[in-house]
Amino acid sequence: MSDAVPVARWRLPYLCLACSCVAAGAAGLVLPLLPTTPFLLLAAWAAPKGSPRLAEWLQRHPLLGPPLHAWRSQGAVPARAKRLACVLLAASWGMLLATNHWLALGATPLLIAVAIFVCTRPLPK
């Protein structure tokens, strides 16, 4: 009985996180500088903890389900998502550079590490 209490207490925050990430990911489909994939991966991680029904919906969704399945089963990222991630990382770095040189300098190693990580993931089979 005591094990169920922490799960129930954390269910709403996980659900809020998952729903927020789905909304941000959906916005990223139409807004050019907002990435979709990281938000959907975070939503796919949080959804089973907050709402099994939402997790099932994500897995069965015709547009969102296949990339999530490829990530979970193979750790794979589609080529289009890799290209888009690198373009958005570069655009983010450019915006940082235009606004704050020191922040851009500090963020450079992180942005490069993220780009390397994404680009070295296998393609889905």
Protein backbone atom coordinates (compact mmCIF):
# COMPACT_ATOMS: atom_id res chain seq x y z
CA MET A 1 0.00 0.00 0.00
CA SER A 2 2.81 2.44 0.79
CA ASP A 3 4.32 1.88 -2.69
CA ALA A 4 1.13 3.17 -4.35
CA VAL A 5 1.25 6.53 -2.57
CA PRO A 6 4.37 7.94 -4.30
CA VAL A 7 3.11 6.70 -7.67
CA ALA A 8 -0.25 8.42 -7.19
CA ARG A 9 1.43 11.58 -5.92
CA TRP A 10 3.67 11.83 -9.00
CA ARG A 11 1.07 10.85 -11.56
CA LEU A 12 -0.30 14.37 -12.10
CA PRO A 13 3.12 16.04 -12.57
CA TYR A 14 4.12 13.36 -15.11
CA LEU A 15 0.81 13.81 -16.91
CA CYS A 16 1.25 17.61 -17.00
CA LEU A 17 4.80 17.20 -18.30
CA ALA A 18 3.69 14.74 -20.99
CA CYS A 19 0.79 16.91 -22.13
CA SER A 20 2.96 20.04 -22.18
CA CYS A 21 5.59 18.22 -24.24
CA VAL A 22 3.00 16.90 -26.70
CA ALA A 23 1.69 20.46 -27.11
CA ALA A 24 5.20 21.86 -27.59
CA GLY A 25 6.02 19.08 -30.04
CA ALA A 26 2.83 19.76 -31.99
CA ALA A 27 3.69 23.46 -32.09
CA GLY A 28 7.13 22.47 -33.37
CA LEU A 29 5.51 20.88 -36.40
CA VAL A 30 4.41 24.30 -37.62
CA LEU A 31 6.89 26.70 -35.97
CA PRO A 32 10.25 26.59 -37.73
CA LEU A 33 12.58 27.18 -34.77
CA LEU A 34 10.81 24.97 -32.23
CA PRO A 35 12.09 21.38 -32.26
CA THR A 36 9.58 18.55 -32.22
CA THR A 37 11.61 15.43 -31.50
CA PRO A 38 13.02 16.23 -28.04
CA PHE A 39 9.60 17.22 -26.76
CA LEU A 40 8.00 14.05 -28.11
CA LEU A 41 10.73 11.86 -26.64
CA LEU A 42 10.20 13.51 -23.27
CA ALA A 43 6.44 13.07 -23.63
CA ALA A 44 6.94 9.39 -24.50
CA TRP A 45 9.04 8.98 -21.34
CA ALA A 46 6.62 10.82 -19.03
CA ALA A 47 3.30 9.59 -20.46
CA PRO A 48 3.41 6.00 -19.13
CA LYS A 49 4.10 7.36 -15.65
CA GLY A 50 1.23 9.86 -15.81
CA SER A 51 -1.34 8.32 -18.14
CA PRO A 52 -1.13 4.89 -19.75
CA ARG A 53 -3.90 6.03 -22.08
CA LEU A 54 -1.82 8.97 -23.34
CA ALA A 55 1.19 6.67 -23.75
CA GLU A 56 -0.91 4.27 -25.82
CA TRP A 57 -2.21 7.14 -27.95
CA LEU A 58 1.34 8.33 -28.65
CA GLN A 59 2.45 4.82 -29.64
CA ARG A 60 -0.53 4.32 -31.97
CA HIS A 61 -0.46 7.78 -33.55
CA PRO A 62 0.21 7.43 -37.30
CA LEU A 63 2.69 10.34 -37.43
CA LEU A 64 4.28 10.23 -33.97
CA GLY A 65 4.27 6.50 -33.28
CA PRO A 66 6.83 5.22 -35.82
CA PRO A 67 9.69 7.55 -34.79
CA LEU A 68 9.00 6.85 -31.11
CA HIS A 69 9.03 3.12 -31.77
CA ALA A 70 12.31 3.43 -33.74
CA TRP A 71 13.87 5.34 -30.85
CA ARG A 72 12.71 2.86 -28.21
CA SER A 73 13.55 -0.31 -30.10
CA GLN A 74 16.72 0.73 -31.98
CA GLY A 75 17.84 4.06 -30.53
CA ALA A 76 17.39 5.30 -34.10
CA VAL A 77 16.73 8.81 -35.39
CA PRO A 78 15.43 9.45 -38.94
CA ALA A 79 17.76 11.32 -41.30
CA ARG A 80 15.30 14.21 -41.67
CA ALA A 81 15.17 14.65 -37.88
CA LYS A 82 18.98 14.63 -37.73
CA ARG A 83 19.26 17.33 -40.39
CA LEU A 84 16.56 19.43 -38.76
CA ALA A 85 18.15 19.08 -35.32
CA CYS A 86 21.52 20.27 -36.64
CA VAL A 87 19.96 23.22 -38.47
CA LEU A 88 18.01 24.22 -35.35
CA LEU A 89 21.07 23.85 -33.13
CA ALA A 90 23.03 26.10 -35.49
CA ALA A 91 20.16 28.62 -35.59
CA SER A 92 19.98 28.60 -31.80
CA TRP A 93 23.72 29.20 -31.59
CA GLY A 94 23.40 32.04 -34.09
CA MET A 95 20.65 33.69 -32.07
CA LEU A 96 22.74 33.33 -28.91
CA LEU A 97 25.72 34.84 -30.69
CA ALA A 98 23.64 37.79 -31.87
CA THR A 99 22.35 38.50 -28.38
CA ASN A 100 25.12 37.47 -25.98
CA HIS A 101 28.59 36.42 -27.11
CA TRP A 102 29.55 34.98 -23.74
CA LEU A 103 26.41 32.87 -23.52
CA ALA A 104 27.02 31.61 -27.05
CA LEU A 105 30.60 30.74 -26.13
CA GLY A 106 29.43 28.87 -23.03
CA ALA A 107 26.70 27.01 -24.90
CA THR A 108 28.96 25.95 -27.78
CA PRO A 109 30.28 22.72 -26.19
CA LEU A 110 26.78 21.63 -25.21
CA LEU A 111 25.34 22.33 -28.64
CA ILE A 112 28.21 20.48 -30.32
CA ALA A 113 27.77 17.51 -27.95
CA VAL A 114 24.05 17.35 -28.73
CA ALA A 115 24.74 17.51 -32.48
CA ILE A 116 27.32 14.72 -32.22
CA PHE A 117 24.96 12.59 -30.16
CA VAL A 118 22.05 13.03 -32.60
CA CYS A 119 24.17 12.51 -35.72
CA THR A 120 25.76 9.31 -34.42
CA ARG A 121 22.42 7.59 -33.74
CA PRO A 122 21.60 4.89 -36.27
CA LEU A 123 18.94 5.34 -38.94
CA PRO A 124 15.68 3.39 -38.45
CA LYS A 125 15.53 0.03 -40.21
